[in-house]
N, C-alpha and C. Protein backbone atom coordinates (compact mmCIF):
# COMPACT_ATOMS: atom_id res chain seq x y z
N MET A 1 -4.46 -34.54 62.23
CA MET A 1 -4.63 -34.67 60.69
C MET A 1 -4.42 -36.04 59.70
N ARG A 2 -5.21 -35.81 58.74
CA ARG A 2 -5.38 -37.31 58.62
C ARG A 2 -4.66 -38.06 57.52
N THR A 3 -4.89 -39.05 57.77
CA THR A 3 -3.48 -40.07 56.63
C THR A 3 -3.90 -40.08 55.02
N VAL A 4 -2.67 -40.13 54.35
CA VAL A 4 -3.00 -40.40 52.99
C VAL A 4 -4.08 -41.48 52.52
N LYS A 5 -4.10 -42.82 53.27
CA LYS A 5 -4.84 -43.57 53.29
C LYS A 5 -6.04 -43.15 53.48
N GLU A 6 -6.59 -42.36 54.61
CA GLU A 6 -7.45 -41.93 54.91
C GLU A 6 -8.58 -41.07 54.02
N ILE A 7 -7.56 -40.12 53.46
CA ILE A 7 -7.84 -39.17 52.16
C ILE A 7 -8.24 -40.12 51.10
N ASP A 8 -7.48 -40.71 50.73
CA ASP A 8 -7.84 -41.80 49.45
C ASP A 8 -9.44 -42.14 49.51
N LYS A 9 -9.60 -42.92 50.62
CA LYS A 9 -10.77 -43.59 51.19
C LYS A 9 -11.92 -42.61 50.56
N GLN A 10 -11.36 -41.21 51.22
CA GLN A 10 -12.95 -40.59 51.60
C GLN A 10 -12.68 -39.76 49.93
N ILE A 11 -11.73 -39.85 48.86
CA ILE A 11 -11.73 -39.54 47.06
C ILE A 11 -12.74 -41.04 47.07
N GLN A 12 -12.21 -41.96 46.86
CA GLN A 12 -12.73 -43.03 46.61
C GLN A 12 -14.19 -43.10 46.73
N LYS A 13 -15.18 -42.14 48.07
CA LYS A 13 -15.88 -42.39 48.68
C LYS A 13 -16.94 -41.42 47.17
N THR A 14 -16.28 -40.62 47.61
CA THR A 14 -16.48 -39.26 46.79
C THR A 14 -17.12 -39.61 45.28
N ASN A 15 -16.21 -40.39 44.81
CA ASN A 15 -15.93 -40.60 43.15
C ASN A 15 -17.67 -41.98 43.32
N ASP A 16 -17.53 -42.42 44.29
CA ASP A 16 -18.75 -43.56 43.75
C ASP A 16 -19.78 -42.87 44.21
N TYR A 17 -20.12 -41.78 44.78
CA TYR A 17 -21.53 -41.17 44.72
C TYR A 17 -21.36 -40.61 43.37
N ILE A 18 -20.34 -39.91 43.02
CA ILE A 18 -20.30 -39.06 41.73
C ILE A 18 -20.70 -40.35 40.38
N VAL A 19 -20.56 -41.77 40.39
CA VAL A 19 -20.65 -42.13 39.78
C VAL A 19 -22.29 -42.32 40.08
N GLN A 20 -22.30 -42.74 41.26
CA GLN A 20 -24.35 -43.10 41.43
C GLN A 20 -24.97 -42.23 41.33
N LEU A 21 -25.08 -40.73 40.59
CA LEU A 21 -25.46 -39.80 40.65
C LEU A 21 -25.53 -39.88 39.80
N TYR A 22 -24.59 -39.79 38.73
CA TYR A 22 -24.00 -39.83 37.31
C TYR A 22 -25.26 -41.40 36.82
N ALA A 23 -25.24 -42.23 37.43
CA ALA A 23 -26.19 -43.26 36.82
C ALA A 23 -27.89 -43.17 37.21
N GLN A 24 -28.06 -42.47 37.98
CA GLN A 24 -29.34 -41.51 38.50
C GLN A 24 -29.74 -40.50 37.58
N ILE A 25 -28.95 -39.57 37.13
CA ILE A 25 -28.89 -38.83 35.94
C ILE A 25 -29.61 -39.70 34.51
N ASN A 26 -28.47 -40.10 34.04
CA ASN A 26 -28.77 -41.23 33.05
C ASN A 26 -30.03 -41.79 33.35
N SER A 27 -30.87 -42.43 34.37
CA SER A 27 -31.67 -43.03 34.58
C SER A 27 -33.07 -42.11 34.32
N TYR A 28 -33.14 -40.92 34.72
CA TYR A 28 -34.28 -39.74 34.72
C TYR A 28 -34.12 -39.33 33.91
N GLU A 29 -32.72 -39.39 32.71
CA GLU A 29 -33.17 -38.54 31.41
C GLU A 29 -33.93 -39.64 30.80
N GLN A 30 -33.38 -40.92 30.64
CA GLN A 30 -34.57 -41.75 30.15
C GLN A 30 -35.60 -41.97 30.11
N SER A 31 -36.14 -41.56 31.55
CA SER A 31 -37.78 -41.72 31.99
C SER A 31 -38.00 -40.47 31.17
N VAL A 32 -37.21 -39.03 31.05
CA VAL A 32 -38.23 -37.81 30.62
C VAL A 32 -38.37 -38.10 28.84
N LYS A 33 -36.96 -38.94 28.30
CA LYS A 33 -37.34 -39.39 26.87
C LYS A 33 -38.60 -40.15 26.52
N HIS A 34 -38.80 -41.40 27.68
CA HIS A 34 -39.93 -41.66 27.54
C HIS A 34 -40.85 -41.30 27.71
N LEU A 35 -41.29 -40.16 28.48
CA LEU A 35 -42.10 -39.53 29.22
C LEU A 35 -42.74 -38.83 27.59
N LYS A 36 -41.53 -38.02 26.54
CA LYS A 36 -41.66 -37.62 25.76
C LYS A 36 -42.34 -38.05 24.69
N ALA A 37 -42.03 -38.96 24.65
CA ALA A 37 -42.54 -40.00 23.82
C ALA A 37 -43.66 -40.30 23.61
N GLU A 38 -44.38 -40.55 24.65
CA GLU A 38 -45.15 -41.19 25.42
C GLU A 38 -46.51 -39.44 25.27
N ARG A 39 -45.94 -38.59 25.58
CA ARG A 39 -46.81 -36.87 25.40
C ARG A 39 -47.12 -37.30 23.90
N GLN A 40 -46.25 -37.02 23.13
CA GLN A 40 -46.65 -37.26 21.69
C GLN A 40 -47.62 -37.61 21.54
N ASP A 41 -47.52 -39.28 21.66
CA ASP A 41 -48.54 -40.09 21.47
C ASP A 41 -49.58 -40.10 21.76
N VAL A 42 -49.95 -39.48 22.78
CA VAL A 42 -51.54 -38.94 23.48
C VAL A 42 -51.62 -37.75 22.89
N GLU A 43 -50.74 -36.72 22.60
CA GLU A 43 -51.01 -35.53 21.80
C GLU A 43 -51.79 -36.16 20.59
N LYS A 44 -50.98 -36.79 19.92
CA LYS A 44 -51.42 -37.29 18.82
C LYS A 44 -53.09 -37.86 18.50
N LYS A 45 -53.06 -38.63 19.64
CA LYS A 45 -54.65 -39.24 19.82
C LYS A 45 -55.31 -38.00 20.29
N GLU A 46 -55.17 -37.51 20.91
CA GLU A 46 -56.13 -36.32 21.49
C GLU A 46 -56.61 -35.43 20.39
N ASN A 47 -55.77 -34.74 19.29
CA ASN A 47 -56.14 -34.41 18.62
C ASN A 47 -56.78 -34.89 17.39
N GLU A 48 -56.74 -36.29 17.04
CA GLU A 48 -57.57 -37.24 16.26
C GLU A 48 -58.71 -36.61 16.78
N MET A 49 -59.38 -37.32 18.14
CA MET A 49 -60.28 -37.38 19.07
C MET A 49 -61.22 -36.08 18.80
N PHE A 50 -60.00 -35.04 19.10
CA PHE A 50 -60.92 -33.66 18.60
C PHE A 50 -61.50 -33.58 17.83
N ILE A 51 -60.59 -33.77 16.41
CA ILE A 51 -60.95 -33.74 15.18
C ILE A 51 -62.24 -34.75 14.70
N ASP A 52 -61.97 -35.76 14.95
CA ASP A 52 -62.95 -37.06 14.79
C ASP A 52 -64.46 -36.59 15.51
N ASN A 53 -64.86 -35.69 17.01
CA ASN A 53 -65.54 -35.32 17.72
C ASN A 53 -66.20 -34.02 16.96
N TRP A 54 -65.55 -33.28 16.08
CA TRP A 54 -65.46 -31.88 15.64
C TRP A 54 -66.66 -32.30 14.17
N LEU A 55 -65.95 -33.68 13.79
CA LEU A 55 -66.51 -33.77 12.16
C LEU A 55 -68.14 -34.44 12.52
N SER A 56 -68.07 -35.13 13.53
CA SER A 56 -69.11 -35.42 14.22
C SER A 56 -70.54 -34.73 14.40
N GLU A 57 -69.69 -33.74 15.59
CA GLU A 57 -70.69 -32.51 15.57
C GLU A 57 -71.24 -31.80 15.02
N HIS A 58 -70.28 -31.09 13.73
CA HIS A 58 -70.74 -30.29 12.91
C HIS A 58 -71.54 -30.81 11.75
N PHE A 59 -71.07 -32.26 11.23
CA PHE A 59 -71.70 -32.90 10.33
C PHE A 59 -71.80 -34.05 10.04
N GLY A 60 -71.79 -34.88 11.37
CA GLY A 60 -72.40 -36.16 11.43
C GLY A 60 -71.71 -37.60 11.06
N ILE A 61 -70.26 -36.63 10.84
CA ILE A 61 -69.52 -37.83 10.06
C ILE A 61 -69.00 -38.61 11.65
N GLN A 62 -68.58 -39.36 11.76
CA GLN A 62 -68.35 -40.50 12.65
C GLN A 62 -66.95 -39.84 13.03
N ASN A 63 -65.75 -40.51 11.90
CA ASN A 63 -64.54 -39.51 12.35
C ASN A 63 -63.55 -39.69 11.08
N GLN A 64 -62.53 -38.93 11.13
CA GLN A 64 -61.72 -38.75 9.74
C GLN A 64 -61.68 -40.12 9.33
N GLU A 65 -61.60 -41.01 9.39
CA GLU A 65 -61.55 -42.28 8.62
C GLU A 65 -62.53 -42.53 7.91
N GLU A 66 -63.24 -42.30 8.38
CA GLU A 66 -64.78 -42.67 7.70
C GLU A 66 -64.58 -40.95 6.10
N ALA A 67 -64.54 -40.39 6.82
CA ALA A 67 -64.20 -38.96 5.83
C ALA A 67 -63.23 -39.19 4.53
N ARG A 68 -62.00 -40.18 4.96
CA ARG A 68 -61.21 -40.49 3.71
C ARG A 68 -61.56 -41.65 3.43
N GLN A 69 -62.16 -42.49 3.69
CA GLN A 69 -62.30 -43.92 2.96
C GLN A 69 -63.68 -44.04 2.47
N LYS A 70 -64.57 -42.98 2.80
CA LYS A 70 -65.66 -43.01 2.00
C LYS A 70 -65.65 -41.41 1.02
N SER A 71 -66.58 -41.60 0.12
CA SER A 71 -66.71 -40.60 -0.60
C SER A 71 -67.85 -39.50 -0.46
N ILE A 72 -67.38 -39.08 0.54
CA ILE A 72 -68.31 -37.81 1.42
C ILE A 72 -68.03 -36.76 1.25
N PHE A 73 -69.23 -36.07 0.63
CA PHE A 73 -69.31 -34.66 0.56
C PHE A 73 -69.94 -33.63 1.74
N ILE A 74 -69.19 -32.30 2.05
CA ILE A 74 -69.87 -31.44 2.78
C ILE A 74 -70.49 -30.26 2.07
N VAL A 75 -72.17 -30.22 2.00
CA VAL A 75 -72.45 -29.02 1.00
C VAL A 75 -73.16 -28.01 2.12
N PHE A 76 -72.91 -26.93 1.03
CA PHE A 76 -72.37 -25.19 1.87
C PHE A 76 -73.59 -24.46 0.45
N ASP A 77 -74.41 -23.46 1.22
CA ASP A 77 -75.01 -22.78 0.09
C ASP A 77 -73.50 -21.55 -0.22
N LYS A 78 -73.99 -20.83 -0.44
CA LYS A 78 -73.74 -19.42 -1.19
C LYS A 78 -72.93 -18.69 0.03
N ASN A 79 -73.15 -18.86 0.68
CA ASN A 79 -73.02 -17.98 2.10
C ASN A 79 -72.31 -18.91 2.78
N ALA A 80 -71.40 -19.97 2.44
CA ALA A 80 -70.88 -20.74 3.34
C ALA A 80 -71.86 -21.24 4.50
N ASN A 81 -72.87 -21.29 4.53
CA ASN A 81 -73.73 -21.92 5.73
C ASN A 81 -73.77 -23.69 5.37
N PHE A 82 -73.40 -24.42 6.33
CA PHE A 82 -73.78 -25.69 5.71
C PHE A 82 -75.13 -26.19 5.95
N VAL A 83 -75.26 -27.28 5.02
CA VAL A 83 -76.64 -27.66 4.39
C VAL A 83 -76.98 -28.85 4.74
N LYS A 84 -76.01 -29.67 4.25
CA LYS A 84 -76.17 -31.34 4.58
C LYS A 84 -74.94 -31.91 4.44
N THR A 85 -74.83 -33.38 4.45
CA THR A 85 -73.58 -34.37 4.36
C THR A 85 -74.17 -35.38 3.35
N ILE A 86 -72.85 -35.35 2.04
CA ILE A 86 -74.23 -36.50 1.29
C ILE A 86 -72.61 -37.50 0.64
N ALA A 87 -72.95 -38.45 1.39
CA ALA A 87 -72.25 -39.91 0.49
C ALA A 87 -72.41 -40.56 -0.82
N THR A 88 -71.30 -40.60 -1.60
CA THR A 88 -71.88 -41.15 -2.77
C THR A 88 -71.11 -42.23 -2.94
N GLY A 89 -71.60 -43.07 -4.03
CA GLY A 89 -71.45 -44.85 -4.30
C GLY A 89 -72.59 -45.18 -4.16
N TYR A 90 -71.99 -46.48 -4.14
CA TYR A 90 -73.06 -48.05 -4.55
C TYR A 90 -73.58 -48.32 -2.90
N GLY A 91 -75.22 -47.75 -3.02
CA GLY A 91 -76.09 -47.93 -2.21
C GLY A 91 -76.06 -46.54 -1.81
N GLU A 92 -75.77 -45.39 -2.02
CA GLU A 92 -75.75 -44.44 -1.35
C GLU A 92 -77.06 -43.24 -2.43
N LYS A 93 -77.73 -42.37 -2.23
CA LYS A 93 -78.51 -41.80 -2.83
C LYS A 93 -77.81 -41.23 -4.56
N PHE A 94 -76.92 -40.87 -4.22
CA PHE A 94 -75.90 -40.47 -5.82
C PHE A 94 -74.70 -41.37 -6.09
N HIS A 95 -74.73 -42.22 -6.79
CA HIS A 95 -73.51 -43.32 -7.46
C HIS A 95 -72.70 -42.42 -7.84
N TYR A 96 -72.67 -41.47 -8.55
CA TYR A 96 -71.47 -40.96 -9.36
C TYR A 96 -71.68 -39.74 -8.59
N VAL A 97 -70.13 -38.57 -8.67
CA VAL A 97 -70.04 -37.25 -8.74
C VAL A 97 -70.90 -36.52 -9.68
N SER A 98 -70.25 -37.03 -10.84
CA SER A 98 -70.65 -35.92 -12.20
C SER A 98 -70.74 -37.13 -13.22
N PRO A 99 -70.78 -36.37 -14.64
CA PRO A 99 -71.16 -34.95 -14.94
C PRO A 99 -72.41 -34.38 -14.17
N SER A 100 -72.19 -33.03 -14.45
CA SER A 100 -73.36 -32.63 -14.23
C SER A 100 -74.66 -32.42 -14.95
N GLU A 101 -74.08 -33.07 -16.62
CA GLU A 101 -75.62 -33.43 -17.38
C GLU A 101 -76.35 -34.63 -16.64
N ASP A 102 -75.49 -35.28 -16.62
CA ASP A 102 -76.54 -36.56 -15.64
C ASP A 102 -77.59 -36.41 -14.58
N LYS A 103 -78.49 -36.87 -14.89
CA LYS A 103 -79.48 -35.98 -13.62
C LYS A 103 -79.67 -36.75 -12.28
N ASP A 104 -78.92 -37.86 -12.42
CA ASP A 104 -78.58 -38.70 -11.45
C ASP A 104 -77.20 -38.54 -10.55
N THR A 105 -76.58 -37.50 -11.09
CA THR A 105 -75.37 -36.97 -10.72
C THR A 105 -75.40 -36.06 -8.79
N MET A 106 -74.42 -36.37 -7.96
CA MET A 106 -74.47 -35.05 -7.28
C MET A 106 -74.32 -33.74 -7.60
N GLU A 107 -73.18 -33.40 -8.91
CA GLU A 107 -73.45 -32.78 -9.25
C GLU A 107 -74.18 -31.49 -10.21
N HIS A 108 -74.93 -32.59 -10.57
CA HIS A 108 -76.81 -32.03 -11.49
C HIS A 108 -77.35 -32.10 -10.09
N TRP A 109 -77.29 -32.55 -8.98
CA TRP A 109 -78.10 -32.02 -7.70
C TRP A 109 -77.62 -30.71 -7.48
N LEU A 110 -76.58 -30.47 -6.96
CA LEU A 110 -75.79 -28.96 -6.74
C LEU A 110 -76.10 -27.88 -7.58
N ARG A 111 -75.92 -28.29 -8.98
CA ARG A 111 -76.11 -26.91 -9.74
C ARG A 111 -77.56 -26.52 -9.60
N GLU A 112 -78.61 -27.60 -9.48
CA GLU A 112 -80.05 -27.28 -9.86
C GLU A 112 -80.68 -27.00 -8.68
N ASN A 113 -79.97 -27.24 -7.35
CA ASN A 113 -80.25 -26.70 -6.02
C ASN A 113 -79.46 -25.43 -5.61
N LYS A 114 -78.63 -24.85 -6.28
CA LYS A 114 -77.11 -23.87 -6.06
C LYS A 114 -76.90 -23.99 -4.89
N LEU A 115 -76.07 -25.18 -4.79
CA LEU A 115 -75.42 -25.58 -3.56
C LEU A 115 -73.38 -25.85 -3.84
N TYR A 116 -73.28 -25.82 -3.12
CA TYR A 116 -71.96 -26.06 -3.33
C TYR A 116 -71.12 -27.30 -2.62
N ALA A 117 -69.99 -28.19 -2.64
CA ALA A 117 -69.51 -28.84 -1.99
C ALA A 117 -68.01 -28.78 -1.98
N HIS A 118 -67.53 -29.83 -0.73
CA HIS A 118 -65.89 -30.08 -0.69
C HIS A 118 -66.08 -31.18 -0.15
N ARG A 119 -64.94 -32.08 -0.52
CA ARG A 119 -64.79 -33.20 0.23
C ARG A 119 -64.52 -33.15 1.52
N ALA A 120 -65.09 -34.28 2.14
CA ALA A 120 -65.34 -34.14 3.59
C ALA A 120 -63.64 -34.64 4.30
N SER A 121 -62.48 -34.90 3.59
CA SER A 121 -61.41 -35.55 3.40
C SER A 121 -60.54 -34.28 3.90
N SER A 122 -61.12 -33.45 3.44
CA SER A 122 -60.33 -31.71 3.20
C SER A 122 -60.56 -31.08 4.62
N PHE A 123 -61.31 -31.59 5.32
CA PHE A 123 -61.83 -31.28 6.65
C PHE A 123 -60.72 -31.89 7.90
N CYS A 124 -59.88 -33.19 7.25
CA CYS A 124 -59.22 -33.73 8.31
C CYS A 124 -57.81 -33.03 8.39
N ASP A 125 -57.01 -33.68 9.35
CA ASP A 125 -55.55 -33.39 9.70
C ASP A 125 -55.40 -31.89 9.93
N ARG A 126 -56.24 -31.27 10.25
CA ARG A 126 -55.87 -29.99 9.88
C ARG A 126 -55.33 -29.25 11.34
N ASN A 127 -54.29 -27.91 11.45
CA ASN A 127 -54.28 -27.80 12.62
C ASN A 127 -55.71 -27.06 13.25
N ARG A 128 -55.34 -27.31 15.19
CA ARG A 128 -56.30 -27.12 15.70
C ARG A 128 -56.77 -26.17 15.74
N ASN A 129 -56.09 -25.26 15.71
CA ASN A 129 -56.87 -23.53 15.44
C ASN A 129 -57.64 -23.67 14.37
N TRP A 130 -57.05 -23.96 13.11
CA TRP A 130 -58.26 -24.39 11.93
C TRP A 130 -59.83 -24.45 12.24
N TYR A 131 -59.96 -25.70 13.29
CA TYR A 131 -61.20 -25.78 13.33
C TYR A 131 -62.37 -24.90 14.49
N ASP A 132 -60.95 -23.77 15.31
CA ASP A 132 -61.93 -22.53 15.66
C ASP A 132 -62.50 -21.86 14.61
N LEU A 133 -62.12 -21.89 12.93
CA LEU A 133 -62.74 -20.51 12.47
C LEU A 133 -63.71 -20.84 11.84
N SER A 134 -64.74 -20.07 11.31
CA SER A 134 -65.94 -19.83 10.91
C SER A 134 -65.82 -20.82 9.65
N PHE A 135 -66.98 -21.35 9.49
CA PHE A 135 -66.74 -22.76 8.01
C PHE A 135 -66.26 -21.47 6.19
N LYS A 136 -67.14 -20.70 6.50
CA LYS A 136 -66.45 -19.14 5.60
C LYS A 136 -65.50 -19.05 5.45
N GLU A 137 -64.17 -19.19 6.86
CA GLU A 137 -63.01 -19.02 6.70
C GLU A 137 -61.98 -20.16 6.53
N GLN A 138 -62.47 -21.05 6.68
CA GLN A 138 -61.99 -22.39 6.41
C GLN A 138 -62.12 -22.87 4.56
N LEU A 139 -63.48 -22.47 4.21
CA LEU A 139 -63.53 -22.19 2.84
C LEU A 139 -62.51 -21.65 1.96
N GLU A 140 -62.33 -20.34 2.62
CA GLU A 140 -61.13 -19.85 2.12
C GLU A 140 -60.03 -20.41 2.30
N ASN A 141 -59.88 -20.79 3.26
CA ASN A 141 -58.54 -21.80 3.46
C ASN A 141 -58.33 -22.92 2.54
N LEU A 142 -59.46 -23.49 1.75
CA LEU A 142 -59.60 -24.64 1.04
C LEU A 142 -59.51 -24.06 -0.45
N CYS A 143 -59.35 -22.24 -0.32
CA CYS A 143 -59.19 -21.86 -1.82
C CYS A 143 -60.62 -21.73 -2.33
N TRP A 144 -61.67 -21.41 -1.76
CA TRP A 144 -63.08 -20.80 -2.21
C TRP A 144 -62.69 -19.22 -2.07
N GLU A 145 -63.68 -18.97 -3.23
CA GLU A 145 -63.73 -17.05 -2.93
C GLU A 145 -64.75 -16.69 -3.09
N PHE A 146 -65.08 -15.48 -1.82
CA PHE A 146 -66.06 -14.99 -1.53
C PHE A 146 -65.85 -13.20 -2.31
N ASP A 147 -66.91 -12.81 -2.52
CA ASP A 147 -67.18 -11.43 -2.48
C ASP A 147 -66.77 -10.60 -1.42
N LYS A 148 -67.17 -9.51 -1.52
CA LYS A 148 -66.96 -8.22 -0.10
C LYS A 148 -68.23 -8.58 0.80
N ASN A 149 -69.31 -8.98 0.22
CA ASN A 149 -70.81 -9.42 0.48
C ASN A 149 -70.81 -10.76 1.38
N GLY A 150 -69.60 -11.28 1.15
CA GLY A 150 -69.73 -12.62 1.81
C GLY A 150 -70.63 -13.78 0.80
N LYS A 151 -71.01 -13.61 -0.30
CA LYS A 151 -71.00 -14.75 -1.22
C LYS A 151 -70.43 -15.07 -2.29
N LEU A 152 -70.68 -16.32 -1.85
CA LEU A 152 -69.63 -17.21 -3.01
C LEU A 152 -69.59 -16.22 -4.70
N LYS A 153 -67.99 -16.71 -4.71
CA LYS A 153 -67.19 -15.87 -6.03
C LYS A 153 -67.16 -17.56 -6.83
N LYS A 154 -66.66 -18.61 -6.22
CA LYS A 154 -65.48 -19.36 -7.05
C LYS A 154 -65.07 -20.65 -5.99
N THR A 155 -65.73 -21.84 -6.62
CA THR A 155 -65.10 -22.54 -5.36
C THR A 155 -64.10 -23.61 -6.14
N GLN A 156 -63.15 -24.25 -5.34
CA GLN A 156 -62.12 -25.39 -5.47
C GLN A 156 -62.44 -26.43 -6.13
N TRP A 157 -64.12 -27.06 -5.90
CA TRP A 157 -64.38 -28.07 -6.45
C TRP A 157 -65.21 -27.82 -7.85
């Protein structure tokens, strides 16, 4: 039979193990917390890179920053087919977007060629699934309307 002193020693030893285990648990919880924060940062960067690559591949726009900072428009025909990308401003083909009455504006050129445009910045920061949609579905999501034959009825711009 053990003595009280021996049992107390065993209790203290077991409590020391428990304290050690709690310290390890806290350490691992902190590691998980840091990993989750790192994961969020990496996921955000991966999404930004995905969108940057998508913009470059489909429209020749370097990245979202360029799409937001410059006055860039994506031009479509009445069937939502991509035609070209146009930048407006000083040093560009069109210095101004409108009015359509002025022949040197982008809006005049669009009307003359029966084309339609939407700001490139509207194609930034979307849900990743949005980029799997067709251009027509994306434009519908941006409030463009098409008839049952797929012809453009109304643009948001």
